[in-house]
Amino acid sequence: MNIIAKLAQRVVETASLWLKQSAELNRRLSSGQVSGRGYVREAAAIWRYNLKNFWHPEPDPAHSAKELVGRY
């Protein structure tokens, strides 16, 4: 597989994971489980995690926004 194909695959994988995590966070926001600073903190953790995970992929990525807050 050439470098362009590998890069495209990483972009798709990272975007898919980001969308899943963001959807979970937005569901929690709409149900009132998270608000204000908690939402911003979790959204920032998702962004930092996905940026790091794009360049250095983990074998078993974290799928929950709640998991990421303490780690990133």
PDB file of N, CA and C in Angstrom:
ATOM      1  N   MET A   1       0.857  -1.169   0.000  1.00  0.00           N
ATOM      2  CA  MET A   1       0.000   0.000   0.000  1.00  0.00           C
ATOM      3  C   MET A   1       0.908   1.240   0.000  1.00  0.00           C
ATOM      4  N   ASN A   2       0.629   2.157  -0.861  1.00  0.00           N
ATOM      5  CA  ASN A   2       1.489   3.336  -0.930  1.00  0.00           C
ATOM      6  C   ASN A   2       1.169   4.334   0.187  1.00  0.00           C
ATOM      7  N   ILE A   3       2.011   5.322   0.314  1.00  0.00           N
ATOM      8  CA  ILE A   3       1.912   6.285   1.408  1.00  0.00           C
ATOM      9  C   ILE A   3       0.627   7.109   1.357  1.00  0.00           C
ATOM     10  N   ILE A   4       0.168   7.453   0.173  1.00  0.00           N
ATOM     11  CA  ILE A   4      -1.069   8.240   0.033  1.00  0.00           C
ATOM     12  C   ILE A   4      -2.267   7.426   0.503  1.00  0.00           C
ATOM     13  N   ALA A   5      -2.305   6.161   0.147  1.00  0.00           N
ATOM     14  CA  ALA A   5      -3.408   5.297   0.569  1.00  0.00           C
ATOM     15  C   ALA A   5      -3.405   5.111   2.082  1.00  0.00           C
ATOM     16  N   LYS A   6      -2.221   4.954   2.671  1.00  0.00           N
ATOM     17  CA  LYS A   6      -2.130   4.804   4.125  1.00  0.00           C
ATOM     18  C   LYS A   6      -2.590   6.080   4.830  1.00  0.00           C
ATOM     19  N   LEU A   7      -2.174   7.217   4.303  1.00  0.00           N
ATOM     20  CA  LEU A   7      -2.579   8.490   4.888  1.00  0.00           C
ATOM     21  C   LEU A   7      -4.094   8.679   4.781  1.00  0.00           C
ATOM     22  N   ALA A   8      -4.654   8.354   3.637  1.00  0.00           N
ATOM     23  CA  ALA A   8      -6.106   8.463   3.450  1.00  0.00           C
ATOM     24  C   ALA A   8      -6.848   7.541   4.414  1.00  0.00           C
ATOM     25  N   GLN A   9      -6.322   6.348   4.621  1.00  0.00           N
ATOM     26  CA  GLN A   9      -6.942   5.406   5.550  1.00  0.00           C
ATOM     27  C   GLN A   9      -6.913   5.968   6.974  1.00  0.00           C
ATOM     28  N   ARG A  10      -5.794   6.569   7.390  1.00  0.00           N
ATOM     29  CA  ARG A  10      -5.688   7.164   8.724  1.00  0.00           C
ATOM     30  C   ARG A  10      -6.668   8.325   8.886  1.00  0.00           C
ATOM     31  N   VAL A  11      -6.829   9.125   7.836  1.00  0.00           N
ATOM     32  CA  VAL A  11      -7.768  10.249   7.892  1.00  0.00           C
ATOM     33  C   VAL A  11      -9.187   9.733   8.111  1.00  0.00           C
ATOM     34  N   VAL A  12      -9.569   8.717   7.378  1.00  0.00           N
ATOM     35  CA  VAL A  12     -10.919   8.152   7.503  1.00  0.00           C
ATOM     36  C   VAL A  12     -11.122   7.534   8.886  1.00  0.00           C
ATOM     37  N   GLU A  13     -10.142   6.778   9.377  1.00  0.00           N
ATOM     38  CA  GLU A  13     -10.259   6.156  10.698  1.00  0.00           C
ATOM     39  C   GLU A  13     -10.376   7.210  11.799  1.00  0.00           C
ATOM     40  N   THR A  14      -9.546   8.239  11.719  1.00  0.00           N
ATOM     41  CA  THR A  14      -9.561   9.293  12.733  1.00  0.00           C
ATOM     42  C   THR A  14     -10.874  10.070  12.693  1.00  0.00           C
ATOM     43  N   ALA A  15     -11.350  10.389  11.509  1.00  0.00           N
ATOM     44  CA  ALA A  15     -12.615  11.120  11.379  1.00  0.00           C
ATOM     45  C   ALA A  15     -13.780  10.294  11.912  1.00  0.00           C
ATOM     46  N   SER A  16     -13.775   9.013  11.641  1.00  0.00           N
ATOM     47  CA  SER A  16     -14.839   8.136  12.122  1.00  0.00           C
ATOM     48  C   SER A  16     -14.851   8.086  13.649  1.00  0.00           C
ATOM     49  N   LEU A  17     -13.678   7.933  14.243  1.00  0.00           N
ATOM     50  CA  LEU A  17     -13.584   7.893  15.699  1.00  0.00           C
ATOM     51  C   LEU A  17     -14.017   9.226  16.306  1.00  0.00           C
ATOM     52  N   TRP A  18     -13.582  10.340  15.704  1.00  0.00           N
ATOM     53  CA  TRP A  18     -13.954  11.663  16.196  1.00  0.00           C
ATOM     54  C   TRP A  18     -15.468  11.855  16.137  1.00  0.00           C
ATOM     55  N   LEU A  19     -16.098  11.421  15.050  1.00  0.00           N
ATOM     56  CA  LEU A  19     -17.551  11.563  14.923  1.00  0.00           C
ATOM     57  C   LEU A  19     -18.290  10.752  15.980  1.00  0.00           C
ATOM     58  N   LYS A  20     -17.824   9.538  16.258  1.00  0.00           N
ATOM     59  CA  LYS A  20     -18.458   8.711  17.294  1.00  0.00           C
ATOM     60  C   LYS A  20     -18.344   9.379  18.659  1.00  0.00           C
ATOM     61  N   GLN A  21     -17.144   9.870  18.979  1.00  0.00           N
ATOM     62  CA  GLN A  21     -16.934  10.499  20.281  1.00  0.00           C
ATOM     63  C   GLN A  21     -17.740  11.788  20.406  1.00  0.00           C
ATOM     64  N   SER A  22     -17.791  12.574  19.356  1.00  0.00           N
ATOM     65  CA  SER A  22     -18.551  13.825  19.382  1.00  0.00           C
ATOM     66  C   SER A  22     -20.045  13.564  19.496  1.00  0.00           C
ATOM     67  N   ALA A  23     -20.535  12.541  18.817  1.00  0.00           N
ATOM     68  CA  ALA A  23     -21.955  12.196  18.902  1.00  0.00           C
ATOM     69  C   ALA A  23     -22.318  11.784  20.323  1.00  0.00           C
ATOM     70  N   GLU A  24     -21.450  11.008  20.962  1.00  0.00           N
ATOM     71  CA  GLU A  24     -21.695  10.606  22.347  1.00  0.00           C
ATOM     72  C   GLU A  24     -21.740  11.832  23.259  1.00  0.00           C
ATOM     73  N   LEU A  25     -20.793  12.739  23.084  1.00  0.00           N
ATOM     74  CA  LEU A  25     -20.754  13.950  23.907  1.00  0.00           C
ATOM     75  C   LEU A  25     -21.998  14.805  23.674  1.00  0.00           C
ATOM     76  N   ASN A  26     -22.435  14.940  22.440  1.00  0.00           N
ATOM     77  CA  ASN A  26     -23.633  15.730  22.140  1.00  0.00           C
ATOM     78  C   ASN A  26     -24.893  15.085  22.697  1.00  0.00           C
ATOM     79  N   ARG A  27     -24.965  13.750  22.709  1.00  0.00           N
ATOM     80  CA  ARG A  27     -26.110  13.066  23.339  1.00  0.00           C
ATOM     81  C   ARG A  27     -26.140  13.368  24.832  1.00  0.00           C
ATOM     82  N   ARG A  28     -24.966  13.335  25.457  1.00  0.00           N
ATOM     83  CA  ARG A  28     -24.891  13.630  26.885  1.00  0.00           C
ATOM     84  C   ARG A  28     -25.230  15.089  27.169  1.00  0.00           C
ATOM     85  N   LEU A  29     -24.871  15.983  26.263  1.00  0.00           N
ATOM     86  CA  LEU A  29     -25.215  17.399  26.414  1.00  0.00           C
ATOM     87  C   LEU A  29     -26.725  17.590  26.335  1.00  0.00           C
ATOM     88  N   SER A  30     -27.366  16.957  25.360  1.00  0.00           N
ATOM     89  CA  SER A  30     -28.810  17.128  25.184  1.00  0.00           C
ATOM     90  C   SER A  30     -29.613  16.485  26.313  1.00  0.00           C
ATOM     91  N   SER A  31     -29.055  15.469  26.970  1.00  0.00           N
ATOM     92  CA  SER A  31     -29.768  14.836  28.077  1.00  0.00           C
ATOM     93  C   SER A  31     -29.466  15.504  29.418  1.00  0.00           C
ATOM     94  N   GLY A  32     -28.583  16.496  29.415  1.00  0.00           N
ATOM     95  CA  GLY A  32     -28.285  17.226  30.638  1.00  0.00           C
ATOM     96  C   GLY A  32     -27.223  16.591  31.513  1.00  0.00           C
ATOM     97  N   GLN A  33     -26.540  15.572  31.024  1.00  0.00           N
ATOM     98  CA  GLN A  33     -25.504  14.911  31.819  1.00  0.00           C
ATOM     99  C   GLN A  33     -24.213  15.720  31.877  1.00  0.00           C
ATOM    100  N   VAL A  34     -24.014  16.601  30.917  1.00  0.00           N
ATOM    101  CA  VAL A  34     -22.813  17.443  30.885  1.00  0.00           C
ATOM    102  C   VAL A  34     -23.221  18.827  30.391  1.00  0.00           C
ATOM    103  N   SER A  35     -22.570  19.847  30.933  1.00  0.00           N
ATOM    104  CA  SER A  35     -22.874  21.208  30.471  1.00  0.00           C
ATOM    105  C   SER A  35     -21.688  22.120  30.753  1.00  0.00           C
ATOM    106  N   GLY A  36     -21.702  23.281  30.147  1.00  0.00           N
ATOM    107  CA  GLY A  36     -20.714  24.317  30.419  1.00  0.00           C
ATOM    108  C   GLY A  36     -19.274  23.873  30.279  1.00  0.00           C
ATOM    109  N   ARG A  37     -18.523  24.058  31.367  1.00  0.00           N
ATOM    110  CA  ARG A  37     -17.097  23.728  31.360  1.00  0.00           C
ATOM    111  C   ARG A  37     -16.838  22.254  31.094  1.00  0.00           C
ATOM    112  N   GLY A  38     -17.702  21.400  31.606  1.00  0.00           N
ATOM    113  CA  GLY A  38     -17.535  19.963  31.375  1.00  0.00           C
ATOM    114  C   GLY A  38     -17.583  19.629  29.896  1.00  0.00           C
ATOM    115  N   TYR A  39     -18.507  20.277  29.184  1.00  0.00           N
ATOM    116  CA  TYR A  39     -18.615  20.048  27.741  1.00  0.00           C
ATOM    117  C   TYR A  39     -17.358  20.523  27.023  1.00  0.00           C
ATOM    118  N   VAL A  40     -16.905  21.719  27.367  1.00  0.00           N
ATOM    119  CA  VAL A  40     -15.712  22.278  26.721  1.00  0.00           C
ATOM    120  C   VAL A  40     -14.494  21.415  27.033  1.00  0.00           C
ATOM    121  N   ARG A  41     -14.365  20.972  28.276  1.00  0.00           N
ATOM    122  CA  ARG A  41     -13.232  20.132  28.671  1.00  0.00           C
ATOM    123  C   ARG A  41     -13.227  18.815  27.896  1.00  0.00           C
ATOM    124  N   GLU A  42     -14.393  18.183  27.781  1.00  0.00           N
ATOM    125  CA  GLU A  42     -14.463  16.915  27.053  1.00  0.00           C
ATOM    126  C   GLU A  42     -14.249  17.112  25.557  1.00  0.00           C
ATOM    127  N   ALA A  43     -14.787  18.192  24.993  1.00  0.00           N
ATOM    128  CA  ALA A  43     -14.582  18.463  23.565  1.00  0.00           C
ATOM    129  C   ALA A  43     -13.104  18.699  23.273  1.00  0.00           C
ATOM    130  N   ALA A  44     -12.421  19.427  24.155  1.00  0.00           N
ATOM    131  CA  ALA A  44     -10.981  19.665  23.979  1.00  0.00           C
ATOM    132  C   ALA A  44     -10.199  18.364  24.112  1.00  0.00           C
ATOM    133  N   ALA A  45     -10.610  17.502  25.034  1.00  0.00           N
ATOM    134  CA  ALA A  45      -9.930  16.215  25.202  1.00  0.00           C
ATOM    135  C   ALA A  45     -10.101  15.348  23.957  1.00  0.00           C
ATOM    136  N   ILE A  46     -11.290  15.365  23.365  1.00  0.00           N
ATOM    137  CA  ILE A  46     -11.528  14.610  22.128  1.00  0.00           C
ATOM    138  C   ILE A  46     -10.625  15.131  21.020  1.00  0.00           C
ATOM    139  N   TRP A  47     -10.535  16.437  20.885  1.00  0.00           N
ATOM    140  CA  TRP A  47      -9.717  17.042  19.833  1.00  0.00           C
ATOM    141  C   TRP A  47      -8.248  16.679  20.016  1.00  0.00           C
ATOM    142  N   ARG A  48      -7.727  16.844  21.252  1.00  0.00           N
ATOM    143  CA  ARG A  48      -6.318  16.524  21.514  1.00  0.00           C
ATOM    144  C   ARG A  48      -6.039  15.047  21.289  1.00  0.00           C
ATOM    145  N   TYR A  49      -6.943  14.192  21.758  1.00  0.00           N
ATOM    146  CA  TYR A  49      -6.744  12.752  21.599  1.00  0.00           C
ATOM    147  C   TYR A  49      -6.691  12.364  20.125  1.00  0.00           C
ATOM    148  N   ASN A  50      -7.625  12.865  19.338  1.00  0.00           N
ATOM    149  CA  ASN A  50      -7.661  12.480  17.932  1.00  0.00           C
ATOM    150  C   ASN A  50      -6.479  13.032  17.152  1.00  0.00           C
ATOM    151  N   LEU A  51      -5.996  14.203  17.519  1.00  0.00           N
ATOM    152  CA  LEU A  51      -4.803  14.743  16.874  1.00  0.00           C
ATOM    153  C   LEU A  51      -3.591  13.868  17.190  1.00  0.00           C
ATOM    154  N   LYS A  52      -3.437  13.494  18.456  1.00  0.00           N
ATOM    155  CA  LYS A  52      -2.332  12.625  18.853  1.00  0.00           C
ATOM    156  C   LYS A  52      -2.484  11.242  18.221  1.00  0.00           C
ATOM    157  N   ASN A  53      -3.701  10.713  18.242  1.00  0.00           N
ATOM    158  CA  ASN A  53      -3.939   9.365  17.731  1.00  0.00           C
ATOM    159  C   ASN A  53      -3.756   9.291  16.213  1.00  0.00           C
ATOM    160  N   PHE A  54      -3.915  10.411  15.514  1.00  0.00           N
ATOM    161  CA  PHE A  54      -3.690  10.413  14.070  1.00  0.00           C
ATOM    162  C   PHE A  54      -2.227  10.123  13.766  1.00  0.00           C
ATOM    163  N   TRP A  55      -1.315  10.767  14.494  1.00  0.00           N
ATOM    164  CA  TRP A  55       0.118  10.606  14.224  1.00  0.00           C
ATOM    165  C   TRP A  55       0.709   9.384  14.909  1.00  0.00           C
ATOM    166  N   HIS A  56       0.173   8.998  16.057  1.00  0.00           N
ATOM    167  CA  HIS A  56       0.676   7.850  16.808  1.00  0.00           C
ATOM    168  C   HIS A  56      -0.512   6.977  17.209  1.00  0.00           C
ATOM    169  N   PRO A  57      -1.033   6.163  16.279  1.00  0.00           N
ATOM    170  CA  PRO A  57      -2.247   5.388  16.561  1.00  0.00           C
ATOM    171  C   PRO A  57      -2.060   4.378  17.695  1.00  0.00           C
ATOM    172  N   GLU A  58      -3.084   4.281  18.516  1.00  0.00           N
ATOM    173  CA  GLU A  58      -3.106   3.290  19.582  1.00  0.00           C
ATOM    174  C   GLU A  58      -3.738   2.017  19.040  1.00  0.00           C
ATOM    175  N   PRO A  59      -3.290   0.857  19.520  1.00  0.00           N
ATOM    176  CA  PRO A  59      -3.883  -0.391  19.039  1.00  0.00           C
ATOM    177  C   PRO A  59      -5.353  -0.535  19.436  1.00  0.00           C
ATOM    178  N   ASP A  60      -5.713  -0.004  20.609  1.00  0.00           N
ATOM    179  CA  ASP A  60      -7.100  -0.061  21.084  1.00  0.00           C
ATOM    180  C   ASP A  60      -7.514   1.348  21.504  1.00  0.00           C
ATOM    181  N   PRO A  61      -8.013   2.167  20.562  1.00  0.00           N
ATOM    182  CA  PRO A  61      -8.308   3.559  20.898  1.00  0.00           C
ATOM    183  C   PRO A  61      -9.465   3.694  21.880  1.00  0.00           C
ATOM    184  N   ALA A  62      -9.400   4.736  22.686  1.00  0.00           N
ATOM    185  CA  ALA A  62     -10.486   5.042  23.617  1.00  0.00           C
ATOM    186  C   ALA A  62     -11.671   5.551  22.812  1.00  0.00           C
ATOM    187  N   HIS A  63     -12.838   5.059  23.115  1.00  0.00           N
ATOM    188  CA  HIS A  63     -14.021   5.456  22.359  1.00  0.00           C
ATOM    189  C   HIS A  63     -14.919   6.409  23.129  1.00  0.00           C
ATOM    190  N   SER A  64     -14.688   6.548  24.409  1.00  0.00           N
ATOM    191  CA  SER A  64     -15.563   7.372  25.227  1.00  0.00           C
ATOM    192  C   SER A  64     -14.930   8.726  25.524  1.00  0.00           C
ATOM    193  N   ALA A  65     -15.715   9.770  25.390  1.00  0.00           N
ATOM    194  CA  ALA A  65     -15.222  11.107  25.718  1.00  0.00           C
ATOM    195  C   ALA A  65     -14.898  11.197  27.207  1.00  0.00           C
ATOM    196  N   LYS A  66     -15.664  10.506  28.035  1.00  0.00           N
ATOM    197  CA  LYS A  66     -15.419  10.527  29.474  1.00  0.00           C
ATOM    198  C   LYS A  66     -14.060   9.922  29.802  1.00  0.00           C
ATOM    199  N   GLU A  67     -13.652   8.881  29.063  1.00  0.00           N
ATOM    200  CA  GLU A  67     -12.353   8.249  29.283  1.00  0.00           C
ATOM    201  C   GLU A  67     -11.214   9.216  29.000  1.00  0.00           C
ATOM    202  N   LEU A  68     -11.417  10.120  28.066  1.00  0.00           N
ATOM    203  CA  LEU A  68     -10.341  10.976  27.596  1.00  0.00           C
ATOM    204  C   LEU A  68     -10.031  12.141  28.517  1.00  0.00           C
ATOM    205  N   VAL A  69     -10.983  12.569  29.321  1.00  0.00           N
ATOM    206  CA  VAL A  69     -10.794  13.775  30.121  1.00  0.00           C
ATOM    207  C   VAL A  69      -9.620  13.616  31.080  1.00  0.00           C
ATOM    208  N   GLY A  70      -9.511  12.500  31.723  1.00  0.00           N
ATOM    209  CA  GLY A  70      -8.403  12.289  32.644  1.00  0.00           C
ATOM    210  C   GLY A  70      -7.077  12.043  31.955  1.00  0.00           C
ATOM    211  N   ARG A  71      -7.134  11.588  30.720  1.00  0.00           N
ATOM    212  CA  ARG A  71      -5.912  11.226  30.004  1.00  0.00           C
ATOM    213  C   ARG A  71      -5.339  12.365  29.190  1.00  0.00           C
ATOM    214  N   TYR A  72      -6.191  13.252  28.650  1.00  0.00           N
ATOM    215  CA  TYR A  72      -5.704  14.297  27.741  1.00  0.00           C
ATOM    216  C   TYR A  72      -6.209  15.644  28.159  1.00  0.00           C
TER     217      TYR A  72
END
